[in-house]
PDB file of all heavy atoms in Angstrom:
ATOM      1  N   LEU A   1       0.849  -1.203  -0.007  1.00  0.00           N
ATOM      2  CA  LEU A   1       0.015   0.013   0.007  1.00  0.00           C
ATOM      3  C   LEU A   1       0.916   1.234  -0.003  1.00  0.00           C
ATOM      4  O   LEU A   1       1.796   1.336   0.829  1.00  0.00           O
ATOM      5  CB  LEU A   1      -0.904  -0.017   1.255  1.00  0.00           C
ATOM      6  CG  LEU A   1      -1.735   1.230   1.489  1.00  0.00           C
ATOM      7  CD1 LEU A   1      -2.738   1.456   0.380  1.00  0.00           C
ATOM      8  CD2 LEU A   1      -2.438   1.122   2.870  1.00  0.00           C
ATOM      9  N   VAL A   2       0.621   2.124  -0.923  1.00  0.00           N
ATOM     10  CA  VAL A   2       1.417   3.357  -1.008  1.00  0.00           C
ATOM     11  C   VAL A   2       0.479   4.524  -1.302  1.00  0.00           C
ATOM     12  O   VAL A   2      -0.536   4.371  -1.974  1.00  0.00           O
ATOM     13  CB  VAL A   2       2.487   3.179  -2.072  1.00  0.00           C
ATOM     14  CG1 VAL A   2       1.898   2.966  -3.491  1.00  0.00           C
ATOM     15  CG2 VAL A   2       3.496   4.335  -2.118  1.00  0.00           C
ATOM     16  N   GLN A   3       0.880   5.683  -0.859  1.00  0.00           N
ATOM     17  CA  GLN A   3       0.133   6.859  -1.119  1.00  0.00           C
ATOM     18  C   GLN A   3       0.363   7.388  -2.531  1.00  0.00           C
ATOM     19  O   GLN A   3       1.394   7.119  -3.111  1.00  0.00           O
ATOM     20  CB  GLN A   3       0.447   7.956  -0.109  1.00  0.00           C
ATOM     21  CG  GLN A   3       0.041   7.649   1.302  1.00  0.00           C
ATOM     22  CD  GLN A   3       0.226   8.825   2.231  1.00  0.00           C
ATOM     23  OE1 GLN A   3       0.966   9.767   1.943  1.00  0.00           O
ATOM     24  NE2 GLN A   3      -0.447   8.823   3.360  1.00  0.00           N
ATOM     25  N   PRO A   4      -0.638   8.111  -3.078  1.00  0.00           N
ATOM     26  CA  PRO A   4      -0.378   8.711  -4.411  1.00  0.00           C
ATOM     27  C   PRO A   4       0.899   9.550  -4.420  1.00  0.00           C
ATOM     28  O   PRO A   4       1.173  10.257  -3.461  1.00  0.00           O
ATOM     29  CB  PRO A   4      -1.630   9.602  -4.627  1.00  0.00           C
ATOM     30  CG  PRO A   4      -2.692   8.919  -3.804  1.00  0.00           C
ATOM     31  CD  PRO A   4      -1.975   8.373  -2.588  1.00  0.00           C
ATOM     32  N   GLY A   5       1.645   9.413  -5.479  1.00  0.00           N
ATOM     33  CA  GLY A   5       2.938  10.059  -5.587  1.00  0.00           C
ATOM     34  C   GLY A   5       4.101   9.289  -5.074  1.00  0.00           C
ATOM     35  O   GLY A   5       5.262   9.690  -5.258  1.00  0.00           O
ATOM     36  N   GLY A   6       3.828   8.169  -4.418  1.00  0.00           N
ATOM     37  CA  GLY A   6       4.868   7.319  -3.841  1.00  0.00           C
ATOM     38  C   GLY A   6       5.509   6.397  -4.859  1.00  0.00           C
ATOM     39  O   GLY A   6       5.229   6.412  -6.050  1.00  0.00           O
ATOM     40  N   SER A   7       6.458   5.580  -4.349  1.00  0.00           N
ATOM     41  CA  SER A   7       7.229   4.690  -5.163  1.00  0.00           C
ATOM     42  C   SER A   7       7.223   3.268  -4.581  1.00  0.00           C
ATOM     43  O   SER A   7       7.077   3.074  -3.360  1.00  0.00           O
ATOM     44  CB  SER A   7       8.676   5.205  -5.324  1.00  0.00           C
ATOM     45  OG  SER A   7       8.719   6.420  -5.932  1.00  0.00           O
ATOM     46  N   LEU A   8       7.386   2.317  -5.472  1.00  0.00           N
ATOM     47  CA  LEU A   8       7.610   0.937  -5.074  1.00  0.00           C
ATOM     48  C   LEU A   8       8.549   0.278  -6.060  1.00  0.00           C
ATOM     49  O   LEU A   8       8.614   0.703  -7.239  1.00  0.00           O
ATOM     50  CB  LEU A   8       6.285   0.090  -5.072  1.00  0.00           C
ATOM     51  CG  LEU A   8       5.330   0.334  -3.932  1.00  0.00           C
ATOM     52  CD1 LEU A   8       3.999  -0.452  -4.197  1.00  0.00           C
ATOM     53  CD2 LEU A   8       5.906  -0.132  -2.628  1.00  0.00           C
ATOM     54  N   ARG A   9       9.250  -0.747  -5.632  1.00  0.00           N
ATOM     55  CA  ARG A   9      10.138  -1.523  -6.515  1.00  0.00           C
ATOM     56  C   ARG A   9       9.674  -2.969  -6.422  1.00  0.00           C
ATOM     57  O   ARG A   9       9.780  -3.597  -5.391  1.00  0.00           O
ATOM     58  CB  ARG A   9      11.576  -1.393  -6.109  1.00  0.00           C
ATOM     59  CG  ARG A   9      12.538  -1.998  -7.181  1.00  0.00           C
ATOM     60  CD  ARG A   9      13.925  -2.098  -6.642  1.00  0.00           C
ATOM     61  NE  ARG A   9      14.874  -2.409  -7.665  1.00  0.00           N
ATOM     62  CZ  ARG A   9      16.057  -3.065  -7.454  1.00  0.00           C
ATOM     63  NH1 ARG A   9      16.384  -3.471  -6.222  1.00  0.00           N
ATOM     64  NH2 ARG A   9      16.868  -3.253  -8.467  1.00  0.00           N
ATOM     65  N   LEU A  10       9.231  -3.494  -7.559  1.00  0.00           N
ATOM     66  CA  LEU A  10       8.804  -4.873  -7.627  1.00  0.00           C
ATOM     67  C   LEU A  10       9.964  -5.754  -8.095  1.00  0.00           C
ATOM     68  O   LEU A  10      10.782  -5.309  -8.896  1.00  0.00           O
ATOM     69  CB  LEU A  10       7.617  -5.039  -8.549  1.00  0.00           C
ATOM     70  CG  LEU A  10       6.404  -4.152  -8.290  1.00  0.00           C
ATOM     71  CD1 LEU A  10       5.306  -4.506  -9.295  1.00  0.00           C
ATOM     72  CD2 LEU A  10       5.934  -4.237  -6.868  1.00  0.00           C
ATOM     73  N   SER A  11       9.999  -6.959  -7.617  1.00  0.00           N
ATOM     74  CA  SER A  11      10.971  -7.943  -8.031  1.00  0.00           C
ATOM     75  C   SER A  11      10.260  -9.220  -8.506  1.00  0.00           C
ATOM     76  O   SER A  11       9.183  -9.550  -7.990  1.00  0.00           O
ATOM     77  CB  SER A  11      11.903  -8.321  -6.864  1.00  0.00           C
ATOM     78  OG  SER A  11      12.596  -7.221  -6.394  1.00  0.00           O
ATOM     79  N   CYS A  12      10.882  -9.884  -9.435  1.00  0.00           N
ATOM     80  CA  CYS A  12      10.374 -11.194  -9.903  1.00  0.00           C
ATOM     81  C   CYS A  12      11.503 -12.162 -10.114  1.00  0.00           C
ATOM     82  O   CYS A  12      12.371 -11.886 -10.985  1.00  0.00           O
ATOM     83  CB  CYS A  12       9.583 -11.022 -11.151  1.00  0.00           C
ATOM     84  SG  CYS A  12       9.088 -12.604 -11.948  1.00  0.00           S
ATOM     85  N   ALA A  13      11.556 -13.173  -9.301  1.00  0.00           N
ATOM     86  CA  ALA A  13      12.583 -14.247  -9.390  1.00  0.00           C
ATOM     87  C   ALA A  13      12.032 -15.303 -10.343  1.00  0.00           C
ATOM     88  O   ALA A  13      11.012 -15.871 -10.073  1.00  0.00           O
ATOM     89  CB  ALA A  13      12.944 -14.757  -8.075  1.00  0.00           C
ATOM     90  N   ALA A  14      12.775 -15.631 -11.361  1.00  0.00           N
ATOM     91  CA  ALA A  14      12.346 -16.614 -12.360  1.00  0.00           C
ATOM     92  C   ALA A  14      13.229 -17.850 -12.254  1.00  0.00           C
ATOM     93  O   ALA A  14      14.435 -17.777 -11.965  1.00  0.00           O
ATOM     94  CB  ALA A  14      12.438 -16.053 -13.760  1.00  0.00           C
ATOM     95  N   SER A  15      12.622 -19.001 -12.485  1.00  0.00           N
ATOM     96  CA  SER A  15      13.394 -20.255 -12.525  1.00  0.00           C
ATOM     97  C   SER A  15      12.704 -21.179 -13.547  1.00  0.00           C
ATOM     98  O   SER A  15      11.536 -20.965 -13.937  1.00  0.00           O
ATOM     99  CB  SER A  15      13.406 -20.939 -11.150  1.00  0.00           C
ATOM    100  OG  SER A  15      12.116 -21.197 -10.662  1.00  0.00           O
ATOM    101  N   GLY A  16      13.466 -22.154 -14.003  1.00  0.00           N
ATOM    102  CA  GLY A  16      12.928 -23.107 -14.945  1.00  0.00           C
ATOM    103  C   GLY A  16      13.006 -22.618 -16.371  1.00  0.00           C
ATOM    104  O   GLY A  16      12.464 -23.253 -17.325  1.00  0.00           O
ATOM    105  N   ILE A  17      13.590 -21.467 -16.632  1.00  0.00           N
ATOM    106  CA  ILE A  17      13.819 -20.939 -17.967  1.00  0.00           C
ATOM    107  C   ILE A  17      15.288 -20.560 -18.124  1.00  0.00           C
ATOM    108  O   ILE A  17      15.985 -20.343 -17.103  1.00  0.00           O
ATOM    109  CB  ILE A  17      12.951 -19.715 -18.315  1.00  0.00           C
ATOM    110  CG1 ILE A  17      13.258 -18.549 -17.324  1.00  0.00           C
ATOM    111  CG2 ILE A  17      11.462 -20.091 -18.249  1.00  0.00           C
ATOM    112  CD1 ILE A  17      12.578 -17.231 -17.674  1.00  0.00           C
ATOM    113  N   ILE A  18      15.742 -20.429 -19.374  1.00  0.00           N
ATOM    114  CA  ILE A  18      17.091 -19.918 -19.572  1.00  0.00           C
ATOM    115  C   ILE A  18      16.958 -18.414 -19.585  1.00  0.00           C
ATOM    116  O   ILE A  18      16.656 -17.809 -20.636  1.00  0.00           O
ATOM    117  CB  ILE A  18      17.691 -20.451 -20.879  1.00  0.00           C
ATOM    118  CG1 ILE A  18      17.691 -21.994 -20.861  1.00  0.00           C
ATOM    119  CG2 ILE A  18      19.111 -19.929 -21.075  1.00  0.00           C
ATOM    120  CD1 ILE A  18      18.139 -22.657 -22.121  1.00  0.00           C
ATOM    121  N   PHE A  19      17.104 -17.827 -18.438  1.00  0.00           N
ATOM    122  CA  PHE A  19      16.713 -16.442 -18.176  1.00  0.00           C
ATOM    123  C   PHE A  19      17.411 -15.499 -19.182  1.00  0.00           C
ATOM    124  O   PHE A  19      16.747 -14.621 -19.780  1.00  0.00           O
ATOM    125  CB  PHE A  19      17.067 -16.047 -16.766  1.00  0.00           C
ATOM    126  CG  PHE A  19      16.587 -14.739 -16.303  1.00  0.00           C
ATOM    127  CD1 PHE A  19      15.340 -14.566 -15.771  1.00  0.00           C
ATOM    128  CD2 PHE A  19      17.413 -13.593 -16.401  1.00  0.00           C
ATOM    129  CE1 PHE A  19      14.924 -13.343 -15.334  1.00  0.00           C
ATOM    130  CE2 PHE A  19      16.990 -12.338 -15.972  1.00  0.00           C
ATOM    131  CZ  PHE A  19      15.711 -12.234 -15.434  1.00  0.00           C
ATOM    132  N   ILE A  20      18.670 -15.699 -19.396  1.00  0.00           N
ATOM    133  CA  ILE A  20      19.442 -14.754 -20.172  1.00  0.00           C
ATOM    134  C   ILE A  20      18.991 -14.704 -21.650  1.00  0.00           C
ATOM    135  O   ILE A  20      19.230 -13.738 -22.322  1.00  0.00           O
ATOM    136  CB  ILE A  20      20.943 -15.024 -20.042  1.00  0.00           C
ATOM    137  CG1 ILE A  20      21.783 -13.857 -20.470  1.00  0.00           C
ATOM    138  CG2 ILE A  20      21.315 -16.318 -20.776  1.00  0.00           C
ATOM    139  CD1 ILE A  20      23.233 -13.968 -20.136  1.00  0.00           C
ATOM    140  N   LEU A  21      18.346 -15.726 -22.100  1.00  0.00           N
ATOM    141  CA  LEU A  21      17.930 -15.836 -23.507  1.00  0.00           C
ATOM    142  C   LEU A  21      16.538 -15.324 -23.781  1.00  0.00           C
ATOM    143  O   LEU A  21      16.079 -15.291 -24.914  1.00  0.00           O
ATOM    144  CB  LEU A  21      18.028 -17.293 -23.995  1.00  0.00           C
ATOM    145  CG  LEU A  21      19.448 -17.905 -24.010  1.00  0.00           C
ATOM    146  CD1 LEU A  21      19.343 -19.260 -24.607  1.00  0.00           C
ATOM    147  CD2 LEU A  21      20.400 -17.052 -24.853  1.00  0.00           C
ATOM    148  N   ASN A  22      15.845 -14.901 -22.712  1.00  0.00           N
ATOM    149  CA  ASN A  22      14.406 -14.568 -22.864  1.00  0.00           C
ATOM    150  C   ASN A  22      14.155 -13.102 -22.706  1.00  0.00           C
ATOM    151  O   ASN A  22      14.771 -12.377 -21.908  1.00  0.00           O
ATOM    152  CB  ASN A  22      13.615 -15.308 -21.825  1.00  0.00           C
ATOM    153  CG  ASN A  22      13.312 -16.773 -22.245  1.00  0.00           C
ATOM    154  OD1 ASN A  22      12.418 -16.974 -23.075  1.00  0.00           O
ATOM    155  ND2 ASN A  22      14.053 -17.704 -21.740  1.00  0.00           N
ATOM    156  N   ASP A  23      13.220 -12.631 -23.548  1.00  0.00           N
ATOM    157  CA  ASP A  23      12.624 -11.284 -23.391  1.00  0.00           C
ATOM    158  C   ASP A  23      11.549 -11.402 -22.260  1.00  0.00           C
ATOM    159  O   ASP A  23      10.755 -12.346 -22.286  1.00  0.00           O
ATOM    160  CB  ASP A  23      11.993 -10.809 -24.653  1.00  0.00           C
ATOM    161  CG  ASP A  23      12.972 -10.710 -25.809  1.00  0.00           C
ATOM    162  OD1 ASP A  23      14.190 -10.636 -25.540  1.00  0.00           O
ATOM    163  OD2 ASP A  23      12.548 -10.669 -26.970  1.00  0.00           O
ATOM    164  N   LEU A  24      11.550 -10.437 -21.383  1.00  0.00           N
ATOM    165  CA  LEU A  24      10.692 -10.491 -20.228  1.00  0.00           C
ATOM    166  C   LEU A  24       9.744  -9.329 -20.152  1.00  0.00           C
ATOM    167  O   LEU A  24       9.927  -8.301 -20.819  1.00  0.00           O
ATOM    168  CB  LEU A  24      11.568 -10.546 -18.946  1.00  0.00           C
ATOM    169  CG  LEU A  24      12.508 -11.707 -18.894  1.00  0.00           C
ATOM    170  CD1 LEU A  24      13.597 -11.443 -17.861  1.00  0.00           C
ATOM    171  CD2 LEU A  24      11.799 -12.994 -18.572  1.00  0.00           C
ATOM    172  N   ALA A  25       8.723  -9.450 -19.304  1.00  0.00           N
ATOM    173  CA  ALA A  25       7.733  -8.374 -19.195  1.00  0.00           C
ATOM    174  C   ALA A  25       7.052  -8.348 -17.855  1.00  0.00           C
ATOM    175  O   ALA A  25       7.014  -9.354 -17.134  1.00  0.00           O
ATOM    176  CB  ALA A  25       6.659  -8.564 -20.288  1.00  0.00           C
ATOM    177  N   TRP A  26       6.564  -7.197 -17.550  1.00  0.00           N
ATOM    178  CA  TRP A  26       5.642  -6.999 -16.431  1.00  0.00           C
ATOM    179  C   TRP A  26       4.215  -6.749 -16.959  1.00  0.00           C
ATOM    180  O   TRP A  26       4.092  -5.989 -17.916  1.00  0.00           O
ATOM    181  CB  TRP A  26       6.056  -5.843 -15.513  1.00  0.00           C
ATOM    182  CG  TRP A  26       7.186  -6.212 -14.570  1.00  0.00           C
ATOM    183  CD1 TRP A  26       8.497  -5.927 -14.785  1.00  0.00           C
ATOM    184  CD2 TRP A  26       7.049  -6.815 -13.311  1.00  0.00           C
ATOM    185  NE1 TRP A  26       9.231  -6.407 -13.697  1.00  0.00           N
ATOM    186  CE2 TRP A  26       8.379  -6.935 -12.760  1.00  0.00           C
ATOM    187  CE3 TRP A  26       5.965  -7.318 -12.542  1.00  0.00           C
ATOM    188  CZ2 TRP A  26       8.631  -7.509 -11.539  1.00  0.00           C
ATOM    189  CZ3 TRP A  26       6.276  -7.863 -11.312  1.00  0.00           C
ATOM    190  CH2 TRP A  26       7.532  -7.935 -10.791  1.00  0.00           C
ATOM    191  N   TYR A  27       3.246  -7.355 -16.305  1.00  0.00           N
ATOM    192  CA  TYR A  27       1.823  -7.166 -16.639  1.00  0.00           C
ATOM    193  C   TYR A  27       1.114  -6.742 -15.386  1.00  0.00           C
ATOM    194  O   TYR A  27       1.622  -6.926 -14.249  1.00  0.00           O
ATOM    195  CB  TYR A  27       1.240  -8.467 -17.174  1.00  0.00           C
ATOM    196  CG  TYR A  27       1.920  -9.056 -18.381  1.00  0.00           C
ATOM    197  CD1 TYR A  27       3.096  -9.756 -18.276  1.00  0.00           C
ATOM    198  CD2 TYR A  27       1.338  -8.908 -19.638  1.00  0.00           C
ATOM    199  CE1 TYR A  27       3.707 -10.320 -19.417  1.00  0.00           C
ATOM    200  CE2 TYR A  27       1.973  -9.440 -20.787  1.00  0.00           C
ATOM    201  CZ  TYR A  27       3.182 -10.118 -20.663  1.00  0.00           C
ATOM    202  OH  TYR A  27       3.742 -10.619 -21.742  1.00  0.00           O
ATOM    203  N   ARG A  28      -0.141  -6.263 -15.518  1.00  0.00           N
ATOM    204  CA  ARG A  28      -0.919  -5.983 -14.376  1.00  0.00           C
ATOM    205  C   ARG A  28      -2.410  -6.235 -14.699  1.00  0.00           C
ATOM    206  O   ARG A  28      -2.801  -6.141 -15.831  1.00  0.00           O
ATOM    207  CB  ARG A  28      -0.730  -4.520 -13.891  1.00  0.00           C
ATOM    208  CG  ARG A  28      -1.237  -3.468 -14.857  1.00  0.00           C
ATOM    209  CD  ARG A  28      -0.872  -2.080 -14.255  1.00  0.00           C
ATOM    210  NE  ARG A  28      -1.348  -1.016 -15.133  1.00  0.00           N
ATOM    211  CZ  ARG A  28      -1.074   0.261 -14.944  1.00  0.00           C
ATOM    212  NH1 ARG A  28      -0.322   0.639 -13.936  1.00  0.00           N
ATOM    213  NH2 ARG A  28      -1.584   1.173 -15.790  1.00  0.00           N
ATOM    214  N   GLN A  29      -3.151  -6.513 -13.623  1.00  0.00           N
ATOM    215  CA  GLN A  29      -4.575  -6.736 -13.766  1.00  0.00           C
ATOM    216  C   GLN A  29      -5.271  -5.989 -12.627  1.00  0.00           C
ATOM    217  O   GLN A  29      -5.101  -6.344 -11.476  1.00  0.00           O
ATOM    218  CB  GLN A  29      -4.919  -8.207 -13.761  1.00  0.00           C
ATOM    219  CG  GLN A  29      -6.375  -8.486 -14.031  1.00  0.00           C
ATOM    220  CD  GLN A  29      -6.622  -9.969 -14.351  1.00  0.00           C
ATOM    221  OE1 GLN A  29      -5.868 -10.839 -14.009  1.00  0.00           O
ATOM    222  NE2 GLN A  29      -7.783 -10.235 -15.049  1.00  0.00           N
ATOM    223  N   ALA A  30      -6.049  -5.042 -13.043  1.00  0.00           N
ATOM    224  CA  ALA A  30      -6.859  -4.247 -12.089  1.00  0.00           C
ATOM    225  C   ALA A  30      -8.169  -4.933 -11.880  1.00  0.00           C
ATOM    226  O   ALA A  30      -8.637  -5.701 -12.729  1.00  0.00           O
ATOM    227  CB  ALA A  30      -7.042  -2.822 -12.612  1.00  0.00           C
ATOM    228  N   PRO A  31      -8.838  -4.693 -10.762  1.00  0.00           N
ATOM    229  CA  PRO A  31     -10.124  -5.339 -10.480  1.00  0.00           C
ATOM    230  C   PRO A  31     -11.105  -5.048 -11.626  1.00  0.00           C
ATOM    231  O   PRO A  31     -11.313  -3.913 -12.058  1.00  0.00           O
ATOM    232  CB  PRO A  31     -10.598  -4.635  -9.190  1.00  0.00           C
ATOM    233  CG  PRO A  31      -9.335  -4.203  -8.557  1.00  0.00           C
ATOM    234  CD  PRO A  31      -8.390  -3.815  -9.634  1.00  0.00           C
ATOM    235  N   GLY A  32     -11.719  -6.097 -12.127  1.00  0.00           N
ATOM    236  CA  GLY A  32     -12.752  -6.013 -13.130  1.00  0.00           C
ATOM    237  C   GLY A  32     -12.202  -5.747 -14.553  1.00  0.00           C
ATOM    238  O   GLY A  32     -12.996  -5.490 -15.475  1.00  0.00           O
ATOM    239  N   LYS A  33     -10.883  -5.734 -14.719  1.00  0.00           N
ATOM    240  CA  LYS A  33     -10.282  -5.498 -15.999  1.00  0.00           C
ATOM    241  C   LYS A  33      -9.432  -6.642 -16.476  1.00  0.00           C
ATOM    242  O   LYS A  33      -9.022  -7.498 -15.630  1.00  0.00           O
ATOM    243  CB  LYS A  33      -9.412  -4.222 -15.931  1.00  0.00           C
ATOM    244  CG  LYS A  33     -10.267  -2.951 -15.667  1.00  0.00           C
ATOM    245  CD  LYS A  33      -9.388  -1.709 -15.749  1.00  0.00           C
ATOM    246  CE  LYS A  33     -10.195  -0.460 -15.561  1.00  0.00           C
ATOM    247  NZ  LYS A  33      -9.370   0.785 -15.676  1.00  0.00           N
ATOM    248  N   GLN A  34      -9.149  -6.635 -17.746  1.00  0.00           N
ATOM    249  CA  GLN A  34      -8.248  -7.678 -18.290  1.00  0.00           C
ATOM    250  C   GLN A  34      -6.791  -7.341 -17.949  1.00  0.00           C
ATOM    251  O   GLN A  34      -6.399  -6.236 -17.705  1.00  0.00           O
ATOM    252  CB  GLN A  34      -8.422  -7.750 -19.791  1.00  0.00           C
ATOM    253  CG  GLN A  34      -9.762  -8.320 -20.242  1.00  0.00           C
ATOM    254  CD  GLN A  34      -9.761  -8.743 -21.710  1.00  0.00           C
ATOM    255  OE1 GLN A  34      -9.013  -8.215 -22.522  1.00  0.00           O
ATOM    256  NE2 GLN A  34     -10.652  -9.662 -22.072  1.00  0.00           N
ATOM    257  N   ARG A  35      -6.044  -8.367 -17.924  1.00  0.00           N
ATOM    258  CA  ARG A  35      -4.586  -8.254 -17.733  1.00  0.00           C
ATOM    259  C   ARG A  35      -4.028  -7.424 -18.875  1.00  0.00           C
ATOM    260  O   ARG A  35      -4.353  -7.666 -20.035  1.00  0.00           O
ATOM    261  CB  ARG A  35      -3.921  -9.592 -17.609  1.00  0.00           C
ATOM    262  CG  ARG A  35      -2.482  -9.572 -17.192  1.00  0.00           C
ATOM    263  CD  ARG A  35      -1.994 -10.997 -16.984  1.00  0.00           C
ATOM    264  NE  ARG A  35      -2.558 -11.615 -15.805  1.00  0.00           N
ATOM    265  CZ  ARG A  35      -2.809 -12.907 -15.681  1.00  0.00           C
ATOM    266  NH1 ARG A  35      -2.549 -13.749 -16.683  1.00  0.00           N
ATOM    267  NH2 ARG A  35      -3.314 -13.404 -14.561  1.00  0.00           N
ATOM    268  N   GLU A  36      -3.079  -6.524 -18.555  1.00  0.00           N
ATOM    269  CA  GLU A  36      -2.476  -5.643 -19.599  1.00  0.00           C
ATOM    270  C   GLU A  36      -0.940  -5.662 -19.446  1.00  0.00           C
ATOM    271  O   GLU A  36      -0.403  -5.798 -18.361  1.00  0.00           O
ATOM    272  CB  GLU A  36      -3.039  -4.243 -19.549  1.00  0.00           C
ATOM    273  CG  GLU A  36      -2.686  -3.506 -18.226  1.00  0.00           C
ATOM    274  CD  GLU A  36      -3.171  -2.082 -18.220  1.00  0.00           C
ATOM    275  OE1 GLU A  36      -3.703  -1.588 -19.281  1.00  0.00           O
ATOM    276  OE2 GLU A  36      -3.043  -1.374 -17.198  1.00  0.00           O
ATOM    277  N   LEU A  37      -0.312  -5.429 -20.586  1.00  0.00           N
ATOM    278  CA  LEU A  37       1.089  -5.336 -20.608  1.00  0.00           C
ATOM    279  C   LEU A  37       1.556  -3.980 -20.099  1.00  0.00           C
ATOM    280  O   LEU A  37       1.003  -2.950 -20.510  1.00  0.00           O
ATOM    281  CB  LEU A  37       1.600  -5.558 -22.058  1.00  0.00           C
ATOM    282  CG  LEU A  37       3.100  -5.486 -22.295  1.00  0.00           C
ATOM    283  CD1 LEU A  37       3.792  -6.628 -21.597  1.00  0.00           C
ATOM    284  CD2 LEU A  37       3.378  -5.581 -23.791  1.00  0.00           C
ATOM    285  N   VAL A  38       2.537  -3.954 -19.222  1.00  0.00           N
ATOM    286  CA  VAL A  38       3.049  -2.721 -18.627  1.00  0.00           C
ATOM    287  C   VAL A  38       4.391  -2.340 -19.186  1.00  0.00           C
ATOM    288  O   VAL A  38       4.615  -1.184 -19.591  1.00  0.00           O
ATOM    289  CB  VAL A  38       3.189  -2.897 -17.115  1.00  0.00           C
ATOM    290  CG1 VAL A  38       3.812  -1.672 -16.477  1.00  0.00           C
ATOM    291  CG2 VAL A  38       1.817  -3.145 -16.456  1.00  0.00           C
ATOM    292  N   ALA A  39       5.295  -3.290 -19.245  1.00  0.00           N
ATOM    293  CA  ALA A  39       6.693  -2.984 -19.661  1.00  0.00           C
ATOM    294  C   ALA A  39       7.340  -4.235 -20.173  1.00  0.00           C
ATOM    295  O   ALA A  39       7.061  -5.342 -19.662  1.00  0.00           O
ATOM    296  CB  ALA A  39       7.481  -2.350 -18.563  1.00  0.00           C
ATOM    297  N   THR A  40       8.253  -4.089 -21.106  1.00  0.00           N
ATOM    298  CA  THR A  40       9.061  -5.204 -21.610  1.00  0.00           C
ATOM    299  C   THR A  40      10.510  -4.856 -21.602  1.00  0.00           C
ATOM    300  O   THR A  40      10.908  -3.705 -21.752  1.00  0.00           O
ATOM    301  CB  THR A  40       8.623  -5.636 -23.029  1.00  0.00           C
ATOM    302  OG1 THR A  40       8.909  -4.556 -23.902  1.00  0.00           O
ATOM    303  CG2 THR A  40       7.147  -5.976 -23.108  1.00  0.00           C
ATOM    304  N   ILE A  41      11.365  -5.936 -21.510  1.00  0.00           N
ATOM    305  CA  ILE A  41      12.803  -5.770 -21.647  1.00  0.00           C
ATOM    306  C   ILE A  41      13.314  -6.956 -22.412  1.00  0.00           C
ATOM    307  O   ILE A  41      13.033  -8.135 -22.065  1.00  0.00           O
ATOM    308  CB  ILE A  41      13.426  -5.649 -20.245  1.00  0.00           C
ATOM    309  CG1 ILE A  41      14.969  -5.357 -20.385  1.00  0.00           C
ATOM    310  CG2 ILE A  41      13.200  -6.840 -19.337  1.00  0.00           C
ATOM    311  CD1 ILE A  41      15.603  -4.843 -19.125  1.00  0.00           C
ATOM    312  N   THR A  42      14.101  -6.705 -23.428  1.00  0.00           N
ATOM    313  CA  THR A  42      14.603  -7.781 -24.230  1.00  0.00           C
ATOM    314  C   THR A  42      15.880  -8.339 -23.584  1.00  0.00           C
ATOM    315  O   THR A  42      16.404  -7.836 -22.664  1.00  0.00           O
ATOM    316  CB  THR A  42      14.971  -7.278 -25.649  1.00  0.00           C
ATOM    317  OG1 THR A  42      16.080  -6.413 -25.542  1.00  0.00           O
ATOM    318  CG2 THR A  42      13.782  -6.575 -26.286  1.00  0.00           C
TER     319      THR A  42
END
């Protein structure tokens, strides 16, 4: 929980893939909405 104007840093630990060879992404899903793409990194 953060106030408007605040900051957070999310982390995602991955396993079971060859991490260095994969393009990765963050997605989000708000209540009542479809999951959407937020950011990608090749």
